[in-house]
Amino acid sequence: MAKGKDVRIRVILECISCVRKGANEESMGISRYSTQKNRHNTPGQLEFQKFCRYCRKHTTHHEIKK
């Protein structure tokens, strides 16, 4: 029996504070985390509070497209 599409997919979470800073302020980089999600249970985008080493605090990380 073959599966159609994989249920669990790999996603990348990116810090929204680092993205908003852009080139205007001095930013060393953009914090990114990778995780998996079940596409049937969570069809929308993921959003977590994670630690950003560039901002040096817990910030909101959103799912980005690959």
PDB file of N, CA and C in Angstrom:
ATOM      1  N   MET A   1       0.836  -1.174   0.000  1.00  0.00           N
ATOM      2  CA  MET A   1       0.000   0.000   0.000  1.00  0.00           C
ATOM      3  C   MET A   1       0.881   1.237   0.000  1.00  0.00           C
ATOM      4  N   ALA A   2       0.665   2.080  -0.939  1.00  0.00           N
ATOM      5  CA  ALA A   2       1.461   3.300  -1.056  1.00  0.00           C
ATOM      6  C   ALA A   2       0.676   4.493  -0.533  1.00  0.00           C
ATOM      7  N   LYS A   3       1.389   5.371   0.124  1.00  0.00           N
ATOM      8  CA  LYS A   3       0.765   6.618   0.595  1.00  0.00           C
ATOM      9  C   LYS A   3       0.730   7.615  -0.547  1.00  0.00           C
ATOM     10  N   GLY A   4      -0.250   8.510  -0.516  1.00  0.00           N
ATOM     11  CA  GLY A   4      -0.312   9.569  -1.518  1.00  0.00           C
ATOM     12  C   GLY A   4       0.741  10.623  -1.213  1.00  0.00           C
ATOM     13  N   LYS A   5       0.414  11.520  -0.305  1.00  0.00           N
ATOM     14  CA  LYS A   5       1.363  12.547   0.110  1.00  0.00           C
ATOM     15  C   LYS A   5       1.798  12.259   1.532  1.00  0.00           C
ATOM     16  N   ASP A   6       2.983  12.688   1.871  1.00  0.00           N
ATOM     17  CA  ASP A   6       3.429  12.540   3.252  1.00  0.00           C
ATOM     18  C   ASP A   6       2.606  13.446   4.140  1.00  0.00           C
ATOM     19  N   VAL A   7       2.204  12.925   5.287  1.00  0.00           N
ATOM     20  CA  VAL A   7       1.382  13.698   6.212  1.00  0.00           C
ATOM     21  C   VAL A   7       2.245  14.692   6.974  1.00  0.00           C
ATOM     22  N   ARG A   8       3.424  14.248   7.414  1.00  0.00           N
ATOM     23  CA  ARG A   8       4.317  15.123   8.168  1.00  0.00           C
ATOM     24  C   ARG A   8       5.299  15.791   7.201  1.00  0.00           C
ATOM     25  N   ILE A   9       5.383  17.107   7.300  1.00  0.00           N
ATOM     26  CA  ILE A   9       6.288  17.848   6.431  1.00  0.00           C
ATOM     27  C   ILE A   9       7.248  18.667   7.281  1.00  0.00           C
ATOM     28  N   ARG A  10       8.404  18.966   6.749  1.00  0.00           N
ATOM     29  CA  ARG A  10       9.411  19.768   7.435  1.00  0.00           C
ATOM     30  C   ARG A  10       9.169  21.242   7.119  1.00  0.00           C
ATOM     31  N   VAL A  11       9.192  22.096   8.153  1.00  0.00           N
ATOM     32  CA  VAL A  11       8.967  23.527   7.979  1.00  0.00           C
ATOM     33  C   VAL A  11      10.096  24.302   8.648  1.00  0.00           C
ATOM     34  N   ILE A  12      10.274  25.554   8.245  1.00  0.00           N
ATOM     35  CA  ILE A  12      11.295  26.435   8.814  1.00  0.00           C
ATOM     36  C   ILE A  12      10.595  27.598   9.500  1.00  0.00           C
ATOM     37  N   LEU A  13      11.012  27.879  10.739  1.00  0.00           N
ATOM     38  CA  LEU A  13      10.470  28.996  11.505  1.00  0.00           C
ATOM     39  C   LEU A  13      11.503  30.110  11.523  1.00  0.00           C
ATOM     40  N   GLU A  14      11.071  31.347  11.264  1.00  0.00           N
ATOM     41  CA  GLU A  14      11.983  32.482  11.160  1.00  0.00           C
ATOM     42  C   GLU A  14      11.537  33.599  12.096  1.00  0.00           C
ATOM     43  N   CYS A  15      12.502  34.246  12.756  1.00  0.00           N
ATOM     44  CA  CYS A  15      12.225  35.334  13.694  1.00  0.00           C
ATOM     45  C   CYS A  15      11.675  36.542  12.942  1.00  0.00           C
ATOM     46  N   ILE A  16      10.536  37.070  13.403  1.00  0.00           N
ATOM     47  CA  ILE A  16       9.954  38.223  12.705  1.00  0.00           C
ATOM     48  C   ILE A  16      10.628  39.525  13.110  1.00  0.00           C
ATOM     49  N   SER A  17      11.254  39.581  14.284  1.00  0.00           N
ATOM     50  CA  SER A  17      11.947  40.802  14.705  1.00  0.00           C
ATOM     51  C   SER A  17      13.198  41.039  13.861  1.00  0.00           C
ATOM     52  N   CYS A  18      13.951  39.994  13.575  1.00  0.00           N
ATOM     53  CA  CYS A  18      15.166  40.122  12.759  1.00  0.00           C
ATOM     54  C   CYS A  18      14.824  40.482  11.316  1.00  0.00           C
ATOM     55  N   VAL A  19      13.725  39.943  10.805  1.00  0.00           N
ATOM     56  CA  VAL A  19      13.322  40.219   9.417  1.00  0.00           C
ATOM     57  C   VAL A  19      12.908  41.680   9.282  1.00  0.00           C
ATOM     58  N   ARG A  20      12.216  42.215  10.290  1.00  0.00           N
ATOM     59  CA  ARG A  20      11.749  43.599  10.230  1.00  0.00           C
ATOM     60  C   ARG A  20      12.889  44.601  10.316  1.00  0.00           C
ATOM     61  N   LYS A  21      13.971  44.248  11.019  1.00  0.00           N
ATOM     62  CA  LYS A  21      15.102  45.169  11.141  1.00  0.00           C
ATOM     63  C   LYS A  21      15.714  45.462   9.784  1.00  0.00           C
ATOM     64  N   GLY A  22      15.915  44.404   9.010  1.00  0.00           N
ATOM     65  CA  GLY A  22      16.452  44.565   7.662  1.00  0.00           C
ATOM     66  C   GLY A  22      17.833  45.199   7.657  1.00  0.00           C
ATOM     67  N   ALA A  23      18.091  46.059   6.674  1.00  0.00           N
ATOM     68  CA  ALA A  23      19.401  46.680   6.518  1.00  0.00           C
ATOM     69  C   ALA A  23      19.509  48.002   7.273  1.00  0.00           C
ATOM     70  N   ASN A  24      18.397  48.503   7.828  1.00  0.00           N
ATOM     71  CA  ASN A  24      18.426  49.793   8.517  1.00  0.00           C
ATOM     72  C   ASN A  24      19.256  49.750   9.786  1.00  0.00           C
ATOM     73  N   GLU A  25      19.089  48.721  10.598  1.00  0.00           N
ATOM     74  CA  GLU A  25      19.842  48.604  11.833  1.00  0.00           C
ATOM     75  C   GLU A  25      20.905  47.531  11.666  1.00  0.00           C
ATOM     76  N   GLU A  26      21.843  47.529  12.600  1.00  0.00           N
ATOM     77  CA  GLU A  26      22.881  46.509  12.546  1.00  0.00           C
ATOM     78  C   GLU A  26      22.291  45.185  13.007  1.00  0.00           C
ATOM     79  N   SER A  27      22.200  44.236  12.111  1.00  0.00           N
ATOM     80  CA  SER A  27      21.685  42.912  12.422  1.00  0.00           C
ATOM     81  C   SER A  27      22.732  41.896  12.002  1.00  0.00           C
ATOM     82  N   MET A  28      23.075  40.990  12.915  1.00  0.00           N
ATOM     83  CA  MET A  28      24.090  40.000  12.613  1.00  0.00           C
ATOM     84  C   MET A  28      23.549  38.859  11.767  1.00  0.00           C
ATOM     85  N   GLY A  29      22.238  38.642  11.802  1.00  0.00           N
ATOM     86  CA  GLY A  29      21.656  37.554  11.031  1.00  0.00           C
ATOM     87  C   GLY A  29      20.189  37.386  11.349  1.00  0.00           C
ATOM     88  N   ILE A  30      19.622  36.283  10.866  1.00  0.00           N
ATOM     89  CA  ILE A  30      18.216  35.972  11.094  1.00  0.00           C
ATOM     90  C   ILE A  30      18.145  34.608  11.751  1.00  0.00           C
ATOM     91  N   SER A  31      17.441  34.543  12.875  1.00  0.00           N
ATOM     92  CA  SER A  31      17.295  33.296  13.613  1.00  0.00           C
ATOM     93  C   SER A  31      16.298  32.387  12.900  1.00  0.00           C
ATOM     94  N   ARG A  32      16.677  31.122  12.692  1.00  0.00           N
ATOM     95  CA  ARG A  32      15.792  30.149  12.052  1.00  0.00           C
ATOM     96  C   ARG A  32      15.846  28.828  12.798  1.00  0.00           C
ATOM     97  N   TYR A  33      14.688  28.203  12.926  1.00  0.00           N
ATOM     98  CA  TYR A  33      14.550  26.878  13.512  1.00  0.00           C
ATOM     99  C   TYR A  33      13.851  25.989  12.501  1.00  0.00           C
ATOM    100  N   SER A  34      14.143  24.690  12.521  1.00  0.00           N
ATOM    101  CA  SER A  34      13.419  23.757  11.661  1.00  0.00           C
ATOM    102  C   SER A  34      12.659  22.779  12.545  1.00  0.00           C
ATOM    103  N   THR A  35      11.481  22.387  12.094  1.00  0.00           N
ATOM    104  CA  THR A  35      10.625  21.467  12.828  1.00  0.00           C
ATOM    105  C   THR A  35       9.738  20.737  11.838  1.00  0.00           C
ATOM    106  N   GLN A  36       8.865  19.876  12.349  1.00  0.00           N
ATOM    107  CA  GLN A  36       7.925  19.159  11.503  1.00  0.00           C
ATOM    108  C   GLN A  36       6.515  19.477  11.956  1.00  0.00           C
ATOM    109  N   LYS A  37       5.570  19.383  11.011  1.00  0.00           N
ATOM    110  CA  LYS A  37       4.168  19.556  11.366  1.00  0.00           C
ATOM    111  C   LYS A  37       3.327  18.569  10.583  1.00  0.00           C
ATOM    112  N   ASN A  38       2.160  18.273  11.118  1.00  0.00           N
ATOM    113  CA  ASN A  38       1.207  17.400  10.463  1.00  0.00           C
ATOM    114  C   ASN A  38       0.284  18.269   9.618  1.00  0.00           C
ATOM    115  N   ARG A  39       0.302  18.088   8.324  1.00  0.00           N
ATOM    116  CA  ARG A  39      -0.450  18.974   7.426  1.00  0.00           C
ATOM    117  C   ARG A  39      -1.958  18.806   7.560  1.00  0.00           C
ATOM    118  N   HIS A  40      -2.427  17.662   8.087  1.00  0.00           N
ATOM    119  CA  HIS A  40      -3.868  17.475   8.268  1.00  0.00           C
ATOM    120  C   HIS A  40      -4.366  18.170   9.535  1.00  0.00           C
ATOM    121  N   ASN A  41      -3.595  18.116  10.616  1.00  0.00           N
ATOM    122  CA  ASN A  41      -4.020  18.717  11.884  1.00  0.00           C
ATOM    123  C   ASN A  41      -3.794  20.225  11.928  1.00  0.00           C
ATOM    124  N   THR A  42      -2.752  20.712  11.266  1.00  0.00           N
ATOM    125  CA  THR A  42      -2.433  22.150  11.281  1.00  0.00           C
ATOM    126  C   THR A  42      -2.245  22.641   9.850  1.00  0.00           C
ATOM    127  N   PRO A  43      -3.335  22.927   9.144  1.00  0.00           N
ATOM    128  CA  PRO A  43      -3.206  23.386   7.762  1.00  0.00           C
ATOM    129  C   PRO A  43      -2.679  24.815   7.659  1.00  0.00           C
ATOM    130  N   GLY A  44      -2.824  25.624   8.720  1.00  0.00           N
ATOM    131  CA  GLY A  44      -2.341  27.004   8.705  1.00  0.00           C
ATOM    132  C   GLY A  44      -0.861  27.074   9.045  1.00  0.00           C
ATOM    133  N   GLN A  45      -0.358  28.295   9.125  1.00  0.00           N
ATOM    134  CA  GLN A  45       1.052  28.482   9.437  1.00  0.00           C
ATOM    135  C   GLN A  45       1.295  28.361  10.933  1.00  0.00           C
ATOM    136  N   LEU A  46       2.465  27.807  11.293  1.00  0.00           N
ATOM    137  CA  LEU A  46       2.853  27.681  12.690  1.00  0.00           C
ATOM    138  C   LEU A  46       3.411  28.991  13.202  1.00  0.00           C
ATOM    139  N   GLU A  47       3.283  29.196  14.509  1.00  0.00           N
ATOM    140  CA  GLU A  47       3.823  30.397  15.147  1.00  0.00           C
ATOM    141  C   GLU A  47       4.200  30.014  16.573  1.00  0.00           C
ATOM    142  N   PHE A  48       5.482  30.154  16.918  1.00  0.00           N
ATOM    143  CA  PHE A  48       5.982  29.787  18.232  1.00  0.00           C
ATOM    144  C   PHE A  48       6.796  30.918  18.836  1.00  0.00           C
ATOM    145  N   GLN A  49       6.885  30.924  20.166  1.00  0.00           N
ATOM    146  CA  GLN A  49       7.801  31.805  20.878  1.00  0.00           C
ATOM    147  C   GLN A  49       9.101  31.026  21.060  1.00  0.00           C
ATOM    148  N   LYS A  50      10.173  31.457  20.418  1.00  0.00           N
ATOM    149  CA  LYS A  50      11.462  30.789  20.489  1.00  0.00           C
ATOM    150  C   LYS A  50      12.526  31.818  20.848  1.00  0.00           C
ATOM    151  N   PHE A  51      13.688  31.330  21.306  1.00  0.00           N
ATOM    152  CA  PHE A  51      14.780  32.232  21.654  1.00  0.00           C
ATOM    153  C   PHE A  51      15.548  32.613  20.397  1.00  0.00           C
ATOM    154  N   CYS A  52      15.735  33.918  20.193  1.00  0.00           N
ATOM    155  CA  CYS A  52      16.516  34.432  19.063  1.00  0.00           C
ATOM    156  C   CYS A  52      17.870  34.854  19.601  1.00  0.00           C
ATOM    157  N   ARG A  53      18.925  34.241  19.106  1.00  0.00           N
ATOM    158  CA  ARG A  53      20.260  34.567  19.625  1.00  0.00           C
ATOM    159  C   ARG A  53      20.759  35.919  19.135  1.00  0.00           C
ATOM    160  N   TYR A  54      20.176  36.452  18.077  1.00  0.00           N
ATOM    161  CA  TYR A  54      20.582  37.758  17.582  1.00  0.00           C
ATOM    162  C   TYR A  54      19.884  38.884  18.336  1.00  0.00           C
ATOM    163  N   CYS A  55      18.605  38.690  18.675  1.00  0.00           N
ATOM    164  CA  CYS A  55      17.873  39.675  19.472  1.00  0.00           C
ATOM    165  C   CYS A  55      18.149  39.499  20.966  1.00  0.00           C
ATOM    166  N   ARG A  56      18.641  38.319  21.341  1.00  0.00           N
ATOM    167  CA  ARG A  56      18.937  37.939  22.724  1.00  0.00           C
ATOM    168  C   ARG A  56      17.699  37.960  23.620  1.00  0.00           C
ATOM    169  N   LYS A  57      16.565  37.499  23.079  1.00  0.00           N
ATOM    170  CA  LYS A  57      15.332  37.376  23.855  1.00  0.00           C
ATOM    171  C   LYS A  57      14.378  36.432  23.124  1.00  0.00           C
ATOM    172  N   HIS A  58      13.299  36.054  23.795  1.00  0.00           N
ATOM    173  CA  HIS A  58      12.284  35.208  23.183  1.00  0.00           C
ATOM    174  C   HIS A  58      11.392  36.070  22.288  1.00  0.00           C
ATOM    175  N   THR A  59      11.275  35.666  21.032  1.00  0.00           N
ATOM    176  CA  THR A  59      10.479  36.405  20.062  1.00  0.00           C
ATOM    177  C   THR A  59       9.576  35.429  19.304  1.00  0.00           C
ATOM    178  N   THR A  60       8.641  35.968  18.552  1.00  0.00           N
ATOM    179  CA  THR A  60       7.737  35.155  17.742  1.00  0.00           C
ATOM    180  C   THR A  60       8.453  34.697  16.478  1.00  0.00           C
ATOM    181  N   HIS A  61       8.350  33.412  16.197  1.00  0.00           N
ATOM    182  CA  HIS A  61       8.908  32.836  14.987  1.00  0.00           C
ATOM    183  C   HIS A  61       7.753  32.295  14.150  1.00  0.00           C
ATOM    184  N   HIS A  62       7.684  32.701  12.872  1.00  0.00           N
ATOM    185  CA  HIS A  62       6.632  32.281  11.946  1.00  0.00           C
ATOM    186  C   HIS A  62       7.187  31.285  10.951  1.00  0.00           C
ATOM    187  N   GLU A  63       6.289  30.485  10.413  1.00  0.00           N
ATOM    188  CA  GLU A  63       6.657  29.537   9.373  1.00  0.00           C
ATOM    189  C   GLU A  63       6.871  30.278   8.058  1.00  0.00           C
ATOM    190  N   ILE A  64       7.926  29.915   7.342  1.00  0.00           N
ATOM    191  CA  ILE A  64       8.197  30.516   6.034  1.00  0.00           C
ATOM    192  C   ILE A  64       8.085  29.443   4.967  1.00  0.00           C
ATOM    193  N   LYS A  65       7.909  29.869   3.724  1.00  0.00           N
ATOM    194  CA  LYS A  65       7.834  28.942   2.610  1.00  0.00           C
ATOM    195  C   LYS A  65       9.236  28.558   2.182  1.00  0.00           C
ATOM    196  N   LYS A  66       9.375  27.339   1.698  1.00  0.00           N
ATOM    197  CA  LYS A  66      10.669  26.858   1.212  1.00  0.00           C
ATOM    198  C   LYS A  66      10.893  27.277  -0.212  1.00  0.00           C
TER     199      LYS A  66
END
